[in-house]
Each structure stands twice: as C-alpha cells, then as structure tokens.
C-alpha atoms as a PDB file:
ATOM      1  CA  UNK A   1      84.421  -8.527 -22.218  1.00  0.00           C
ATOM      2  CA  UNK A   2      81.579  -9.585 -24.481  1.00  0.00           C
ATOM      3  CA  UNK A   3      78.896  -8.118 -22.230  1.00  0.00           C
ATOM      4  CA  UNK A   4      80.853  -4.909 -21.754  1.00  0.00           C
ATOM      5  CA  UNK A   5      80.913  -4.430 -25.522  1.00  0.00           C
ATOM      6  CA  UNK A   6      77.137  -4.990 -25.685  1.00  0.00           C
ATOM      7  CA  UNK A   7      76.452  -2.704 -22.703  1.00  0.00           C
ATOM      8  CA  UNK A   8      78.152   0.225 -24.450  1.00  0.00           C
ATOM      9  CA  UNK A   9      75.454   0.295 -27.125  1.00  0.00           C
ATOM     10  CA  UNK A  10      72.150   2.064 -26.348  1.00  0.00           C
ATOM     11  CA  UNK A  11      70.017  -0.880 -27.523  1.00  0.00           C
ATOM     12  CA  UNK A  12      68.595  -3.791 -25.524  1.00  0.00           C
ATOM     13  CA  UNK A  13      70.290  -7.172 -25.758  1.00  0.00           C
ATOM     14  CA  UNK A  14      69.541 -10.651 -24.434  1.00  0.00           C
ATOM     15  CA  UNK A  15      71.651 -12.882 -22.195  1.00  0.00           C
ATOM     16  CA  UNK A  16      71.028 -16.636 -22.346  1.00  0.00           C
ATOM     17  CA  UNK A  17      72.310 -18.448 -19.262  1.00  0.00           C
ATOM     18  CA  UNK A  18      72.148 -22.243 -19.774  1.00  0.00           C
ATOM     19  CA  UNK A  19      73.643 -22.991 -16.315  1.00  0.00           C
ATOM     20  CA  UNK A  20      70.604 -21.431 -14.620  1.00  0.00           C
ATOM     21  CA  UNK A  21      68.031 -21.824 -17.339  1.00  0.00           C
ATOM     22  CA  UNK A  22      66.976 -18.221 -17.842  1.00  0.00           C
ATOM     23  CA  UNK A  23      66.934 -15.465 -20.427  1.00  0.00           C
ATOM     24  CA  UNK A  24      67.730 -11.919 -19.325  1.00  0.00           C
ATOM     25  CA  UNK A  25      66.641  -8.786 -21.160  1.00  0.00           C
ATOM     26  CA  UNK A  26      69.290  -6.131 -20.551  1.00  0.00           C
ATOM     27  CA  UNK A  27      70.146  -2.626 -21.615  1.00  0.00           C
ATOM     28  CA  UNK A  28      73.347  -0.798 -20.684  1.00  0.00           C
ATOM     29  CA  UNK A  29      74.183  -3.661 -18.296  1.00  0.00           C
ATOM     30  CA  UNK A  30      70.954  -3.330 -16.292  1.00  0.00           C
ATOM     31  CA  UNK A  31      68.501  -6.233 -16.089  1.00  0.00           C
ATOM     32  CA  UNK A  32      65.123  -5.104 -17.436  1.00  0.00           C
ATOM     33  CA  UNK A  33      63.400  -8.498 -17.277  1.00  0.00           C
ATOM     34  CA  UNK A  34      64.214 -12.056 -16.316  1.00  0.00           C
ATOM     35  CA  UNK A  35      62.455 -14.960 -18.035  1.00  0.00           C
ATOM     36  CA  UNK A  36      62.877 -18.376 -16.412  1.00  0.00           C
ATOM     37  CA  UNK A  37      63.230 -21.215 -18.894  1.00  0.00           C
ATOM     38  CA  UNK A  38      61.773 -24.639 -18.186  1.00  0.00           C
ATOM     39  CA  UNK A  39      64.502 -26.310 -20.226  1.00  0.00           C
ATOM     40  CA  UNK A  40      66.939 -25.861 -23.103  1.00  0.00           C
ATOM     41  CA  UNK A  41      67.373 -28.479 -25.842  1.00  0.00           C
ATOM     42  CA  UNK A  42      69.790 -28.753 -28.737  1.00  0.00           C
ATOM     43  CA  UNK A  43      68.082 -30.451 -31.695  1.00  0.00           C
ATOM     44  CA  UNK A  44      69.570 -31.543 -35.004  1.00  0.00           C
ATOM     45  CA  UNK A  45      67.914 -33.520 -37.790  1.00  0.00           C
ATOM     46  CA  UNK A  46      69.575 -36.880 -38.353  1.00  0.00           C
ATOM     47  CA  UNK A  47      68.381 -38.740 -41.480  1.00  0.00           C
ATOM     48  CA  UNK A  48      68.633 -42.518 -41.568  1.00  0.00           C
ATOM     49  CA  UNK A  49      71.271 -42.469 -44.296  1.00  0.00           C
ATOM     50  CA  UNK A  50      73.995 -39.859 -44.603  1.00  0.00           C
ATOM     51  CA  UNK A  51      73.466 -36.306 -43.482  1.00  0.00           C
ATOM     52  CA  UNK A  52      75.736 -33.461 -42.616  1.00  0.00           C
ATOM     53  CA  UNK A  53      77.145 -32.306 -39.318  1.00  0.00           C
ATOM     54  CA  UNK A  54      75.563 -29.214 -37.740  1.00  0.00           C
ATOM     55  CA  UNK A  55      77.680 -26.081 -37.432  1.00  0.00           C
ATOM     56  CA  UNK A  56      79.637 -25.797 -34.172  1.00  0.00           C
ATOM     57  CA  UNK A  57      77.891 -24.294 -31.167  1.00  0.00           C
ATOM     58  CA  UNK A  58      80.311 -22.676 -28.753  1.00  0.00           C
ATOM     59  CA  UNK A  59      79.891 -20.535 -25.663  1.00  0.00           C
ATOM     60  CA  UNK A  60      80.543 -17.863 -24.560  1.00  0.00           C
ATOM     61  CA  UNK A  61      79.509 -16.254 -27.803  1.00  0.00           C
ATOM     62  CA  UNK A  62      77.383 -13.498 -29.263  1.00  0.00           C
ATOM     63  CA  UNK A  63      74.624 -14.586 -31.622  1.00  0.00           C
ATOM     64  CA  UNK A  64      72.987 -12.029 -33.888  1.00  0.00           C
ATOM     65  CA  UNK A  65      69.415 -12.399 -35.098  1.00  0.00           C
ATOM     66  CA  UNK A  66      69.338 -12.413 -38.909  1.00  0.00           C
ATOM     67  CA  UNK A  67      65.589 -12.858 -39.307  1.00  0.00           C
ATOM     68  CA  UNK A  68      63.162 -12.373 -36.450  1.00  0.00           C
ATOM     69  CA  UNK A  69      59.618 -13.717 -36.279  1.00  0.00           C
ATOM     70  CA  UNK A  70      58.071 -10.266 -36.306  1.00  0.00           C
ATOM     71  CA  UNK A  71      60.315  -8.351 -38.687  1.00  0.00           C
ATOM     72  CA  UNK A  72      57.356  -7.605 -40.955  1.00  0.00           C
ATOM     73  CA  UNK A  73      54.929  -6.676 -38.138  1.00  0.00           C
ATOM     74  CA  UNK A  74      55.884  -3.036 -38.247  1.00  0.00           C
ATOM     75  CA  UNK A  75      55.566  -2.412 -41.958  1.00  0.00           C
ATOM     76  CA  UNK A  76      54.059   0.903 -42.976  1.00  0.00           C
ATOM     77  CA  UNK A  77      51.340   0.707 -45.579  1.00  0.00           C
ATOM     78  CA  UNK A  78      50.979   3.909 -47.576  1.00  0.00           C
ATOM     79  CA  UNK A  79      47.900   4.903 -49.588  1.00  0.00           C
ATOM     80  CA  UNK A  80      48.082   4.437 -53.353  1.00  0.00           C
ATOM     81  CA  UNK A  81      47.101   8.050 -54.056  1.00  0.00           C
ATOM     82  CA  UNK A  82      47.492  11.223 -52.037  1.00  0.00           C
ATOM     83  CA  UNK A  83      44.821  13.864 -51.962  1.00  0.00           C
ATOM     84  CA  UNK A  84      44.403  17.083 -49.987  1.00  0.00           C
ATOM     85  CA  UNK A  85      42.666  16.980 -46.620  1.00  0.00           C
ATOM     86  CA  UNK A  86      39.042  18.048 -46.627  1.00  0.00           C
ATOM     87  CA  UNK A  87      36.863  18.434 -43.524  1.00  0.00           C
ATOM     88  CA  UNK A  88      33.706  17.958 -45.626  1.00  0.00           C
ATOM     89  CA  UNK A  89      34.750  14.413 -46.606  1.00  0.00           C
ATOM     90  CA  UNK A  90      35.439  13.553 -42.999  1.00  0.00           C
ATOM     91  CA  UNK A  91      31.995  14.788 -41.914  1.00  0.00           C
ATOM     92  CA  UNK A  92      30.237  12.822 -44.658  1.00  0.00           C
ATOM     93  CA  UNK A  93      31.695   9.464 -43.545  1.00  0.00           C
ATOM     94  CA  UNK A  94      29.234   7.626 -41.306  1.00  0.00           C
ATOM     95  CA  UNK A  95      30.547   7.037 -37.799  1.00  0.00           C
ATOM     96  CA  UNK A  96      30.683   3.412 -36.690  1.00  0.00           C
ATOM     97  CA  UNK A  97      28.121   2.365 -34.134  1.00  0.00           C
ATOM     98  CA  UNK A  98      29.606   2.302 -30.653  1.00  0.00           C
ATOM     99  CA  UNK A  99      30.128  -1.196 -29.364  1.00  0.00           C
ATOM    100  CA  UNK A 100      29.644  -2.765 -32.809  1.00  0.00           C
ATOM    101  CA  UNK A 101      33.129  -4.237 -32.858  1.00  0.00           C
ATOM    102  CA  UNK A 102      34.878  -5.287 -29.692  1.00  0.00           C
ATOM    103  CA  UNK A 103      38.177  -3.545 -29.155  1.00  0.00           C
ATOM    104  CA  UNK A 104      41.002  -5.916 -28.336  1.00  0.00           C
ATOM    105  CA  UNK A 105      42.667  -5.536 -24.967  1.00  0.00           C
ATOM    106  CA  UNK A 106      46.237  -4.221 -25.024  1.00  0.00           C
ATOM    107  CA  UNK A 107      48.657  -7.125 -25.311  1.00  0.00           C
ATOM    108  CA  UNK A 108      45.946  -9.475 -26.603  1.00  0.00           C
ATOM    109  CA  UNK A 109      47.321  -9.484 -30.101  1.00  0.00           C
ATOM    110  CA  UNK A 110      47.836 -12.516 -32.265  1.00  0.00           C
ATOM    111  CA  UNK A 111      51.428 -13.158 -31.286  1.00  0.00           C
ATOM    112  CA  UNK A 112      52.331 -16.817 -31.522  1.00  0.00           C
ATOM    113  CA  UNK A 113      53.348 -18.828 -28.477  1.00  0.00           C
ATOM    114  CA  UNK A 114      55.990 -20.695 -30.492  1.00  0.00           C
ATOM    115  CA  UNK A 115      58.228 -19.275 -33.186  1.00  0.00           C
ATOM    116  CA  UNK A 116      61.684 -19.540 -34.751  1.00  0.00           C
ATOM    117  CA  UNK A 117      64.448 -16.963 -34.858  1.00  0.00           C
ATOM    118  CA  UNK A 118      67.214 -17.323 -37.481  1.00  0.00           C
ATOM    119  CA  UNK A 119      70.727 -16.699 -36.152  1.00  0.00           C
ATOM    120  CA  UNK A 120      73.960 -15.713 -37.897  1.00  0.00           C
ATOM    121  CA  UNK A 121      75.765 -18.913 -36.855  1.00  0.00           C
ATOM    122  CA  UNK A 122      73.538 -21.220 -38.953  1.00  0.00           C
ATOM    123  CA  UNK A 123      71.354 -22.267 -36.013  1.00  0.00           C
ATOM    124  CA  UNK A 124      67.807 -21.231 -35.175  1.00  0.00           C
ATOM    125  CA  UNK A 125      66.391 -20.316 -31.791  1.00  0.00           C
ATOM    126  CA  UNK A 126      63.039 -22.075 -31.299  1.00  0.00           C
ATOM    127  CA  UNK A 127      60.756 -20.824 -28.527  1.00  0.00           C
ATOM    128  CA  UNK A 128      58.017 -23.299 -27.551  1.00  0.00           C
ATOM    129  CA  UNK A 129      55.679 -23.766 -24.618  1.00  0.00           C
ATOM    130  CA  UNK A 130      56.179 -27.517 -24.226  1.00  0.00           C
ATOM    131  CA  UNK A 131      59.254 -29.697 -24.479  1.00  0.00           C
ATOM    132  CA  UNK A 132      59.822 -31.372 -27.852  1.00  0.00           C
ATOM    133  CA  UNK A 133      58.785 -34.991 -28.093  1.00  0.00           C
ATOM    134  CA  UNK A 134      61.653 -37.034 -29.424  1.00  0.00           C
ATOM    135  CA  UNK A 135      60.230 -40.540 -29.324  1.00  0.00           C
ATOM    136  CA  UNK A 136      61.022 -43.218 -31.882  1.00  0.00           C
ATOM    137  CA  UNK A 137      57.672 -42.848 -33.714  1.00  0.00           C
ATOM    138  CA  UNK A 138      58.120 -39.081 -34.067  1.00  0.00           C
ATOM    139  CA  UNK A 139      61.599 -39.545 -35.521  1.00  0.00           C
ATOM    140  CA  UNK A 140      60.269 -42.189 -37.925  1.00  0.00           C
ATOM    141  CA  UNK A 141      57.462 -39.847 -38.983  1.00  0.00           C
ATOM    142  CA  UNK A 142      59.937 -37.006 -39.600  1.00  0.00           C
ATOM    143  CA  UNK A 143      62.114 -39.318 -41.690  1.00  0.00           C
ATOM    144  CA  UNK A 144      59.131 -40.442 -43.803  1.00  0.00           C
ATOM    145  CA  UNK A 145      58.004 -36.806 -44.357  1.00  0.00           C
ATOM    146  CA  UNK A 146      61.560 -35.901 -45.358  1.00  0.00           C
ATOM    147  CA  UNK A 147      61.659 -38.794 -47.846  1.00  0.00           C
ATOM    148  CA  UNK A 148      58.332 -37.826 -49.437  1.00  0.00           C
ATOM    149  CA  UNK A 149      59.481 -34.236 -49.834  1.00  0.00           C
ATOM    150  CA  UNK A 150      62.648 -35.402 -51.554  1.00  0.00           C
ATOM    151  CA  UNK A 151      60.658 -37.698 -53.882  1.00  0.00           C
ATOM    152  CA  UNK A 152      58.468 -34.728 -54.889  1.00  0.00           C
ATOM    153  CA  UNK A 153      61.606 -32.738 -55.749  1.00  0.00           C
ATOM    154  CA  UNK A 154      61.363 -30.399 -52.776  1.00  0.00           C
ATOM    155  CA  UNK A 155      64.455 -29.647 -50.742  1.00  0.00           C
ATOM    156  CA  UNK A 156      63.507 -30.009 -47.081  1.00  0.00           C
ATOM    157  CA  UNK A 157      65.114 -27.541 -44.721  1.00  0.00           C
ATOM    158  CA  UNK A 158      66.148 -28.805 -41.304  1.00  0.00           C
ATOM    159  CA  UNK A 159      68.340 -26.192 -39.628  1.00  0.00           C
ATOM    160  CA  UNK A 160      69.745 -27.164 -36.238  1.00  0.00           C
ATOM    161  CA  UNK A 161      67.718 -25.740 -33.347  1.00  0.00           C
ATOM    162  CA  UNK A 162      68.377 -24.433 -29.873  1.00  0.00           C
ATOM    163  CA  UNK A 163      64.962 -24.942 -28.276  1.00  0.00           C
ATOM    164  CA  UNK A 164      63.950 -22.792 -25.321  1.00  0.00           C
ATOM    165  CA  UNK A 165      60.924 -24.140 -23.430  1.00  0.00           C
ATOM    166  CA  UNK A 166      59.130 -21.172 -21.843  1.00  0.00           C
ATOM    167  CA  UNK A 167      55.575 -20.330 -20.737  1.00  0.00           C
ATOM    168  CA  UNK A 168      53.297 -19.245 -23.604  1.00  0.00           C
ATOM    169  CA  UNK A 169      52.641 -15.783 -22.142  1.00  0.00           C
ATOM    170  CA  UNK A 170      56.344 -15.144 -21.681  1.00  0.00           C
ATOM    171  CA  UNK A 171      57.074 -16.294 -25.254  1.00  0.00           C
ATOM    172  CA  UNK A 172      54.497 -13.798 -26.521  1.00  0.00           C
ATOM    173  CA  UNK A 173      56.114 -11.109 -24.368  1.00  0.00           C
ATOM    174  CA  UNK A 174      59.544 -11.804 -25.881  1.00  0.00           C
ATOM    175  CA  UNK A 175      58.253 -11.840 -29.470  1.00  0.00           C
ATOM    176  CA  UNK A 176      58.900  -8.136 -30.107  1.00  0.00           C
ATOM    177  CA  UNK A 177      62.532  -8.354 -28.922  1.00  0.00           C
ATOM    178  CA  UNK A 178      63.683 -10.790 -31.612  1.00  0.00           C
ATOM    179  CA  UNK A 179      64.238  -8.358 -34.503  1.00  0.00           C
ATOM    180  CA  UNK A 180      66.993  -8.451 -37.086  1.00  0.00           C
ATOM    181  CA  UNK A 181      70.212  -7.204 -35.524  1.00  0.00           C
ATOM    182  CA  UNK A 182      69.308  -8.108 -31.936  1.00  0.00           C
ATOM    183  CA  UNK A 183      72.315  -9.571 -30.161  1.00  0.00           C
ATOM    184  CA  UNK A 184      72.164 -12.507 -27.763  1.00  0.00           C
ATOM    185  CA  UNK A 185      75.029 -13.156 -25.376  1.00  0.00           C
ATOM    186  CA  UNK A 186      75.332 -16.862 -24.552  1.00  0.00           C
ATOM    187  CA  UNK A 187      76.981 -17.488 -21.200  1.00  0.00           C
ATOM    188  CA  UNK A 188      79.147 -20.604 -20.775  1.00  0.00           C
END
C-alpha cells in the first residue's frame, strides 16, 4: 500500500531494503537504479550519565527528507544590476586562452563521499564509504568532546543516525537524489 501511494506520484522515490542490504531508486514503480549497501548501522549517542531515548524507528514506513545535503547546490545567483544587451561590450571582452584552465569532466564535481540527510522522524540518514568505528577509545573521545562543548556553553547536537555504508562513487551518485521532500520507503 505504501509503495502504491508513492508510485502514483510522478517523482522518483527511494526504497531501502534492510533484509537485502540495498537501496533502490524508483519512479512509477519501475526500478531505475539499484545500489548495493555494504552494511546498515543504527547509531545513537549514549553519554556516560543520563541522556534521552532516541525516537522510535519502525518499518515499514515512509521517511521524508527535510533537509538534503545538496539543497543549496541549485541556487540561482542573479546580477545586482540589469542592463541592456550590447554586442559591442561582448566583442570588447578578451577571450580566454584555450587550454588555460582545465575543464572538469562531467560527474567529476566536488560531491562529498559522506554526508547526512535530515529526516522528518527525528533521525538522520548518514551515507559513508567505510563502516563506523565504535571501539571503546572512540566512544571515550566522543564523550570527552561532548563534555568540553558543554563546559564552553555550546549545546552539542547528536541526532540518532541510520548509517548506510556504500562505495564512495555510488554515494556521490546518490547525492542529487536527497533533496527536501524526497520520500524513502523503508521495507520491513
């Protein structure tokens, strides 16, 4: 029922299948791409003293992206003043020397290999290219950093994370799909 409701809309949506670790990109019920996941982790910050419980995480469910990693990538920058077009001005501008600046290859943009996606259920989706290290020393270090931030009067933010471990190239390829309003169907 949930996927049928998503398939009726003319926009792409994502399907996260934890049973077979993979992420499907779909539109109108058709699979456009399949991204295999190395692993899926559920991470919550647990301070030494006290702390609050993370929000519930149930499946099947539909998560909606509230803030994507590239929401500001497509901003339009307008000139400060408008003036009429003149061919004379265009001719007077010196042309750049050919080959002076290398042109980037398509797809070779500066998209990060790891990024966070804020969700409407209070969790964040965290795409990384290597599994998180959760050893005792790392947890101790995180606790000490948290304590120093609190002593300085800063309020540290530790939202609970659903971490998807995926190849770096595939994470860069998915970057443009995580925009505000994108829906993610989580299979049981």
